[in-house]
Protein backbone atom coordinates (compact mmCIF):
# COMPACT_ATOMS: atom_id res chain seq x y z
CA MET A 1 0.00 0.00 0.00
CA ALA A 2 2.77 2.43 0.94
CA ALA A 3 4.75 1.63 -2.20
CA GLU A 4 1.71 2.33 -4.37
CA ARG A 5 0.63 5.52 -2.61
CA TRP A 6 4.10 6.97 -2.24
CA ALA A 7 4.97 6.25 -5.87
CA ARG A 8 1.79 8.03 -6.95
CA GLU A 9 1.62 10.90 -4.45
CA GLY A 10 5.16 11.21 -3.15
CA MET A 11 6.63 10.22 0.21
CA PRO A 12 4.87 11.82 3.21
CA ARG A 13 6.70 14.24 5.47
CA ASN A 14 6.77 11.68 8.31
CA PRO A 15 6.77 8.15 6.81
CA GLY A 16 6.79 6.44 10.22
CA ALA A 17 3.73 8.32 11.45
CA TRP A 18 1.98 7.64 8.13
CA LEU A 19 2.56 3.91 8.49
CA VAL A 20 1.36 3.83 12.11
CA THR A 21 -1.80 5.81 11.29
CA THR A 22 -2.55 3.68 8.25
CA ALA A 23 -2.06 0.44 10.17
CA ARG A 24 -4.27 1.69 13.01
CA ASN A 25 -7.03 2.74 10.59
CA ARG A 26 -6.90 -0.61 8.82
CA ALA A 27 -7.16 -2.39 12.17
CA ILE A 28 -10.21 -0.31 13.08
CA ASP A 29 -11.72 -1.06 9.66
CA ARG A 30 -11.19 -4.76 10.35
CA ILE A 31 -12.97 -4.46 13.69
CA ARG A 32 -15.86 -2.68 11.98
CA ARG A 33 -16.12 -5.40 9.33
CA GLU A 34 -16.12 -8.15 11.97
CA ARG A 35 -18.70 -6.28 14.02
CA ASN A 36 -20.96 -5.77 10.98
CA LEU A 37 -20.58 -9.40 9.97
CA ALA A 38 -21.52 -10.58 13.46
CA ALA A 39 -24.55 -8.28 13.50
CA LYS A 40 -25.73 -9.45 10.07
CA THR A 41 -25.22 -13.09 11.04
CA ARG A 42 -27.34 -12.60 14.13
CA LEU A 43 -30.07 -10.95 12.06
CA LEU A 44 -30.58 -14.28 10.33
CA ASP A 45 -31.44 -15.91 13.67
CA VAL A 46 -33.48 -13.31 15.57
CA PRO A 47 -37.02 -12.01 15.12
CA GLU A 48 -37.51 -8.70 13.33
CA ALA A 49 -38.91 -7.13 16.51
CA VAL A 50 -35.54 -7.23 18.24
CA THR A 51 -33.19 -6.41 15.35
CA ASP A 52 -32.91 -2.79 16.46
CA ASP A 53 -31.18 -3.98 19.64
CA VAL A 54 -28.37 -5.87 17.90
CA GLU A 55 -25.90 -3.03 17.92
CA GLU A 56 -26.71 -2.28 21.55
CA ASP A 57 -25.30 -5.70 22.51
CA ALA A 58 -21.79 -4.84 21.30
CA ILE A 59 -19.26 -5.03 24.14
CA PHE A 60 -17.35 -1.97 23.01
CA LYS A 61 -18.80 1.41 22.09
CA ASP A 62 -15.35 2.81 21.31
CA GLU A 63 -13.33 1.25 18.49
CA ARG A 64 -9.98 2.64 19.65
CA LEU A 65 -10.48 1.13 23.10
CA GLU A 66 -11.52 -2.13 21.46
CA LEU A 67 -8.23 -2.10 19.58
CA VAL A 68 -6.25 -1.51 22.79
CA PHE A 69 -7.84 -4.57 24.41
CA THR A 70 -7.16 -6.58 21.26
CA CYS A 71 -3.46 -5.66 21.29
CA CYS A 72 -3.00 -6.41 25.01
CA HIS A 73 -2.81 -10.19 24.63
CA PRO A 74 -1.99 -12.04 27.89
CA ALA A 75 0.38 -14.42 26.08
CA LEU A 76 2.89 -11.56 26.19
CA ALA A 77 4.40 -10.14 29.36
CA THR A 78 2.51 -7.07 30.55
CA GLU A 79 5.46 -4.80 29.80
CA ALA A 80 5.63 -6.16 26.24
CA GLN A 81 1.86 -5.73 25.80
CA VAL A 82 2.08 -2.10 26.87
CA ALA A 83 5.14 -1.26 24.76
CA LEU A 84 3.79 -2.91 21.62
CA THR A 85 0.38 -1.27 21.98
CA LEU A 86 1.93 2.15 22.53
CA ARG A 87 3.99 1.65 19.38
CA THR A 88 1.30 0.29 17.08
CA LEU A 89 -1.78 2.09 18.36
CA GLY A 90 -0.63 5.05 20.43
CA GLY A 91 1.73 6.23 17.70
CA LEU A 92 4.57 6.78 20.18
CA THR A 93 8.10 6.42 18.88
CA THR A 94 10.47 3.79 20.24
CA ASP A 95 12.43 6.60 21.89
CA GLU A 96 9.31 7.94 23.65
CA ILE A 97 8.38 4.47 24.87
CA ALA A 98 11.93 3.86 26.10
CA ARG A 99 11.78 7.07 28.14
CA ALA A 100 8.48 5.96 29.67
CA PHE A 101 10.06 2.66 30.74
CA LEU A 102 13.36 4.27 31.81
CA VAL A 103 15.46 2.10 29.50
CA PRO A 104 17.80 2.88 26.58
CA THR A 105 16.17 3.17 23.16
CA GLU A 106 18.14 0.17 21.85
CA THR A 107 16.86 -1.99 24.71
CA MET A 108 13.25 -1.05 23.98
CA ALA A 109 13.73 -1.65 20.26
CA LYS A 110 14.94 -5.19 21.00
CA ARG A 111 11.98 -5.82 23.31
CA LEU A 112 9.54 -4.74 20.59
CA VAL A 113 11.22 -7.02 18.05
CA ARG A 114 11.09 -9.96 20.46
CA ALA A 115 7.39 -9.33 21.16
CA LYS A 116 6.57 -9.25 17.44
CA LYS A 117 8.50 -12.46 16.86
CA LYS A 118 6.64 -14.17 19.68
CA ILE A 119 3.31 -13.13 18.19
CA MET A 120 4.32 -14.62 14.83
CA ALA A 121 5.87 -17.80 16.26
CA ALA A 122 2.96 -18.54 18.60
CA GLY A 123 0.30 -17.60 16.07
CA ILE A 124 -1.33 -15.22 18.55
CA PRO A 125 -4.61 -14.14 16.92
CA PHE A 126 -5.56 -10.51 16.39
CA ARG A 127 -9.04 -10.90 17.81
CA VAL A 128 -11.33 -8.87 20.07
CA PRO A 129 -11.51 -10.67 23.46
CA ASP A 130 -14.79 -11.93 24.87
CA ASP A 131 -16.22 -9.86 27.72
CA HIS A 132 -15.23 -12.42 30.39
CA LEU A 133 -11.58 -12.07 29.29
CA LEU A 134 -11.43 -8.29 29.71
CA PRO A 135 -10.32 -8.25 33.40
CA GLU A 136 -7.15 -10.23 32.67
CA ARG A 137 -6.13 -7.57 30.15
CA LEU A 138 -7.13 -4.60 32.28
CA ALA A 139 -3.74 -3.94 33.94
CA ALA A 140 -2.01 -3.60 30.57
CA VAL A 141 -4.83 -1.46 29.14
CA LEU A 142 -4.69 0.91 32.11
CA ALA A 143 -0.91 1.18 31.71
CA VAL A 144 -1.29 1.99 28.00
CA VAL A 145 -3.81 4.76 28.65
CA TYR A 146 -1.73 6.15 31.54
CA LEU A 147 1.48 6.29 29.50
CA ILE A 148 -0.29 7.89 26.54
CA PHE A 149 -1.55 10.56 28.92
CA ASN A 150 1.90 11.06 30.46
CA GLU A 151 3.48 11.61 27.07
CA GLY A 152 0.73 14.05 26.14
CA TYR A 153 0.95 15.88 29.47
CA VAL A 154 4.62 16.63 28.90
CA ALA A 155 4.62 17.47 25.21
CA ARG A 156 1.52 16.59 23.17
CA VAL A 157 -1.93 17.89 24.13
CA ASP A 158 -3.60 15.69 21.50
CA LEU A 159 -2.35 12.54 23.23
CA ALA A 160 -3.56 13.74 26.64
CA ALA A 161 -7.05 14.41 25.26
CA GLU A 162 -7.10 10.99 23.57
CA ALA A 163 -6.09 9.27 26.83
CA ILE A 164 -8.90 11.02 28.74
CA ARG A 165 -11.38 10.02 26.05
CA LEU A 166 -10.21 6.40 26.31
CA GLY A 167 -10.45 6.64 30.11
CA ARG A 168 -14.08 7.76 29.91
CA ALA A 169 -14.89 4.96 27.47
CA LEU A 170 -13.18 2.48 29.78
CA ALA A 171 -15.23 3.71 32.77
CA GLU A 172 -18.41 3.18 30.74
CA LEU A 173 -17.27 -0.29 29.68
CA MET A 174 -16.19 -1.48 33.16
CA PRO A 175 -18.14 0.65 35.67
CA ASP A 176 -17.42 -1.62 38.64
CA GLU A 177 -13.61 -1.51 38.39
CA PRO A 178 -12.22 1.00 40.94
CA GLU A 179 -8.84 1.40 39.23
CA VAL A 180 -10.60 2.44 36.01
CA HIS A 181 -12.38 5.32 37.77
CA ALA A 182 -9.19 6.18 39.64
CA LEU A 183 -7.14 6.47 36.45
CA LEU A 184 -9.80 8.71 34.92
CA ALA A 185 -9.75 10.82 38.10
CA LEU A 186 -5.96 11.08 37.98
CA MET A 187 -5.94 12.26 34.37
CA LEU A 188 -8.77 14.77 34.87
CA LEU A 189 -7.13 16.29 37.96
CA HIS A 190 -3.77 16.73 36.24
CA ASP A 191 -5.25 17.96 32.97
CA ALA A 192 -7.36 20.54 34.82
CA ARG A 193 -4.14 22.52 35.40
CA ARG A 194 -3.04 22.37 31.76
CA ASP A 195 -3.67 26.05 30.92
CA ALA A 196 -1.64 27.17 33.94
CA ARG A 197 1.42 24.95 33.33
CA LEU A 198 2.90 27.23 30.68
CA ARG A 199 3.24 31.00 30.56
CA ASP A 200 4.54 32.46 27.30
CA GLY A 201 5.94 29.04 26.47
CA GLU A 202 7.74 28.74 29.82
CA LEU A 203 7.08 25.99 32.36
CA VAL A 204 5.39 27.16 35.57
CA LEU A 205 5.74 25.06 38.73
CA LEU A 206 2.52 24.08 40.49
CA ALA A 207 3.17 26.38 43.46
CA ASP A 208 3.53 29.36 41.10
CA GLN A 209 0.56 28.62 38.85
CA ASP A 210 -2.36 31.02 38.43
CA ARG A 211 -5.16 29.02 40.03
CA SER A 212 -7.80 31.08 38.23
CA LEU A 213 -6.70 29.22 35.08
CA TRP A 214 -7.45 25.83 36.60
CA ASP A 215 -10.57 24.09 35.27
CA ARG A 216 -12.70 23.82 38.42
CA ASP A 217 -15.40 21.75 36.72
CA GLN A 218 -12.78 19.24 35.64
CA ILE A 219 -11.33 19.10 39.15
CA ALA A 220 -14.83 18.40 40.48
CA ALA A 221 -15.29 15.67 37.87
CA GLY A 222 -11.94 14.17 38.83
CA ARG A 223 -12.82 14.14 42.51
CA ALA A 224 -16.22 12.58 41.72
CA ALA A 225 -14.45 9.79 39.81
CA LEU A 226 -12.08 9.32 42.77
CA ASP A 227 -15.05 9.11 45.16
CA ARG A 228 -16.55 6.44 42.92
CA ALA A 229 -13.29 4.45 43.02
CA ILE A 230 -13.15 4.66 46.81
CA ALA A 231 -16.82 3.67 47.09
CA LEU A 232 -15.91 0.54 45.11
CA ARG A 233 -13.32 -0.18 47.84
CA GLY A 234 -10.41 0.67 45.58
CA ARG A 235 -6.98 0.58 47.24
CA GLY A 236 -4.78 0.21 44.18
CA PRO A 237 -1.99 2.41 42.80
CA TYR A 238 -4.22 4.60 40.64
CA VAL A 239 -6.49 5.33 43.61
CA LEU A 240 -3.47 6.46 45.63
CA GLN A 241 -2.15 8.61 42.77
CA ALA A 242 -5.55 10.20 42.23
CA ALA A 243 -5.81 10.95 45.96
CA ILE A 244 -2.41 12.68 45.79
CA ALA A 245 -3.50 14.68 42.74
CA SER A 246 -6.65 15.74 44.60
CA LEU A 247 -4.58 16.98 47.57
CA HIS A 248 -2.43 19.00 45.16
CA ALA A 249 -5.59 20.82 44.07
CA ASP A 250 -6.25 22.07 47.63
CA GLU A 251 -5.55 25.69 48.46
CA GLN A 252 -3.15 24.64 51.23
CA ARG A 253 -1.37 21.39 50.44
CA ASP A 254 -0.88 18.91 53.28
CA TRP A 255 2.66 17.75 52.56
CA ASN A 256 2.70 15.26 55.42
CA GLU A 257 -0.38 13.55 54.02
CA ILE A 258 1.04 13.64 50.48
CA ALA A 259 4.31 12.13 51.69
CA ALA A 260 2.41 9.40 53.56
CA LEU A 261 0.40 8.50 50.46
CA TYR A 262 3.58 8.37 48.39
CA GLY A 263 5.06 6.09 51.06
CA GLU A 264 2.15 3.68 50.70
CA LEU A 265 2.37 3.89 46.90
CA THR A 266 6.10 3.11 47.05
CA ARG A 267 5.38 0.06 49.20
CA LEU A 268 2.69 -1.09 46.79
CA THR A 269 4.57 -0.59 43.53
CA GLY A 270 8.27 -0.70 44.40
CA SER A 271 8.74 2.01 41.79
CA PRO A 272 11.84 4.22 42.13
CA VAL A 273 9.97 7.03 40.36
CA VAL A 274 7.32 6.95 43.08
CA ALA A 275 10.11 6.95 45.67
CA LEU A 276 11.48 10.08 43.98
CA ASN A 277 8.14 11.82 44.35
CA ARG A 278 8.00 10.76 47.99
CA ALA A 279 11.45 12.30 48.55
CA VAL A 280 10.23 15.61 47.10
CA ALA A 281 7.16 15.55 49.35
CA VAL A 282 9.31 14.72 52.40
CA ALA A 283 11.56 17.67 51.52
CA LYS A 284 8.50 19.93 51.56
CA ALA A 285 7.29 18.52 54.87
CA GLU A 286 10.59 18.09 56.74
CA GLY A 287 13.15 20.18 54.89
CA PRO A 288 15.55 19.78 51.92
CA GLU A 289 18.15 17.74 53.81
CA ALA A 290 15.61 15.01 54.61
CA GLY A 291 14.56 14.88 50.97
CA LEU A 292 18.13 14.87 49.71
CA ALA A 293 18.98 11.86 51.86
CA LEU A 294 16.16 9.92 50.23
CA LEU A 295 17.21 11.00 46.73
CA ASP A 296 20.74 9.72 47.33
CA GLU A 297 19.29 6.22 47.75
CA LEU A 298 17.88 6.34 44.19
CA ASP A 299 21.09 7.07 42.26
CA ARG A 300 21.53 3.53 40.99
CA ASP A 301 17.95 3.04 39.76
CA LEU A 302 17.38 6.51 38.29
CA ALA A 303 20.82 7.60 37.09
CA GLY A 304 19.46 8.36 33.62
CA TYR A 305 16.21 9.98 34.76
CA GLN A 306 16.12 13.73 34.29
CA TYR A 307 13.69 14.42 37.13
CA LEU A 308 15.99 12.86 39.74
CA HIS A 309 18.74 15.31 38.82
CA ALA A 310 16.29 18.23 38.57
CA ALA A 311 14.90 17.44 42.03
CA ARG A 312 18.37 17.10 43.51
CA ALA A 313 19.41 20.39 41.90
CA ASP A 314 16.43 22.17 43.45
CA LEU A 315 17.17 20.83 46.94
CA LEU A 316 20.86 21.68 46.65
CA ARG A 317 19.90 25.19 45.50
CA ARG A 318 17.69 25.59 48.58
CA LEU A 319 20.63 24.47 50.74
CA GLU A 320 22.88 27.03 48.93
CA ARG A 321 25.25 24.31 47.73
CA VAL A 322 25.68 26.18 44.47
CA GLU A 323 28.33 24.17 42.62
CA GLU A 324 26.63 20.86 43.35
CA ALA A 325 23.31 22.35 42.25
CA ARG A 326 24.90 23.59 39.03
CA ALA A 327 26.24 20.12 38.20
CA ALA A 328 22.84 18.55 38.89
CA TYR A 329 21.03 21.08 36.67
CA GLU A 330 23.50 20.43 33.87
CA ARG A 331 22.94 16.69 34.18
CA ALA A 332 19.17 17.18 34.05
CA LEU A 333 19.52 19.40 31.00
CA ALA A 334 21.53 16.76 29.18
CA LEU A 335 18.65 14.31 29.63
CA THR A 336 15.74 16.66 28.86
CA THR A 337 13.90 16.53 25.53
CA ALA A 338 10.77 18.68 26.09
CA GLU A 339 11.54 22.28 25.16
CA PRO A 340 9.54 24.02 27.96
CA GLU A 341 11.31 21.89 30.57
CA ARG A 342 14.68 22.63 28.96
CA ARG A 343 14.06 26.38 29.11
CA PHE A 344 12.94 26.13 32.73
CA LEU A 345 16.14 24.31 33.74
CA GLU A 346 18.27 26.77 31.79
CA ARG A 347 16.58 29.62 33.64
CA ARG A 348 17.21 27.96 37.01
CA LEU A 349 20.83 27.35 36.08
CA ALA A 350 21.29 30.97 35.05
CA GLU A 351 19.85 32.13 38.40
CA LEU A 352 22.66 30.35 40.22
């Protein structure tokens, strides 16, 4: 298809993006054909009086979400499911996915190749799962939506909006799953501050943001989704993250409570990135030296993570350890790809 189109119309500006979009659209077309075929087959067996209800019986109302569930096949490791789905459906580059997983680009490229080979060797079918199989794929689907939102929150507004749309569709599809409502709450609460995060193209820290620019209706919707997750007795990682995001929306932030929630989230996930956020919260609650001591424990796991070095630089700056702060800012800059974040770090470095 590409050879024919490109020979006739010329090569597109971004061939990789063209291929991903075309493959995604063809996959959605396939889902539509299978759905129409199933509906027409059923029409042969049901009375005319109930034919209008055939489409209402479809499991999925959203074709993109249907495709995410289809891609997240449990025969693959969850990490491979997420990476492959982000690549084929989310349109993220291998480099963007590698950053999300905190691994080198070459490592992620090899993982994607191995996953594709396993699909071919095992003959894993590209098929929409039955409704009773959805829960076993939910963890990977939530991770896909979350990482799409994260990438959009940093650099691409279109991806953030798509993730929220998928989150709403997921909440409609699985209304009794607390982590589904919690993820939607988390995204809504963060996205509500979108218009205040940048000023004239420059990154603005949460403490310095103009709160009149926050979307109060969206914050209320996020907190309502969080309440729904808690009512469903949710205690998972997305519930904890949404609770933290809700506390950040308060006029006066309770840093002790935020640090405690991050402590529980660290225990639950074992994630060094969560431990980094806990260290920042502890620094706010107990002082920069306490936070710095916790950051020092993360050097091995997060040596190539820009936010570790940016956080350390900020704490060193507050302690007036100027040369150490300068080195940490320079290290963070070397790892930063988003332009607003780069300019922010350059400004901080210049202030030293």
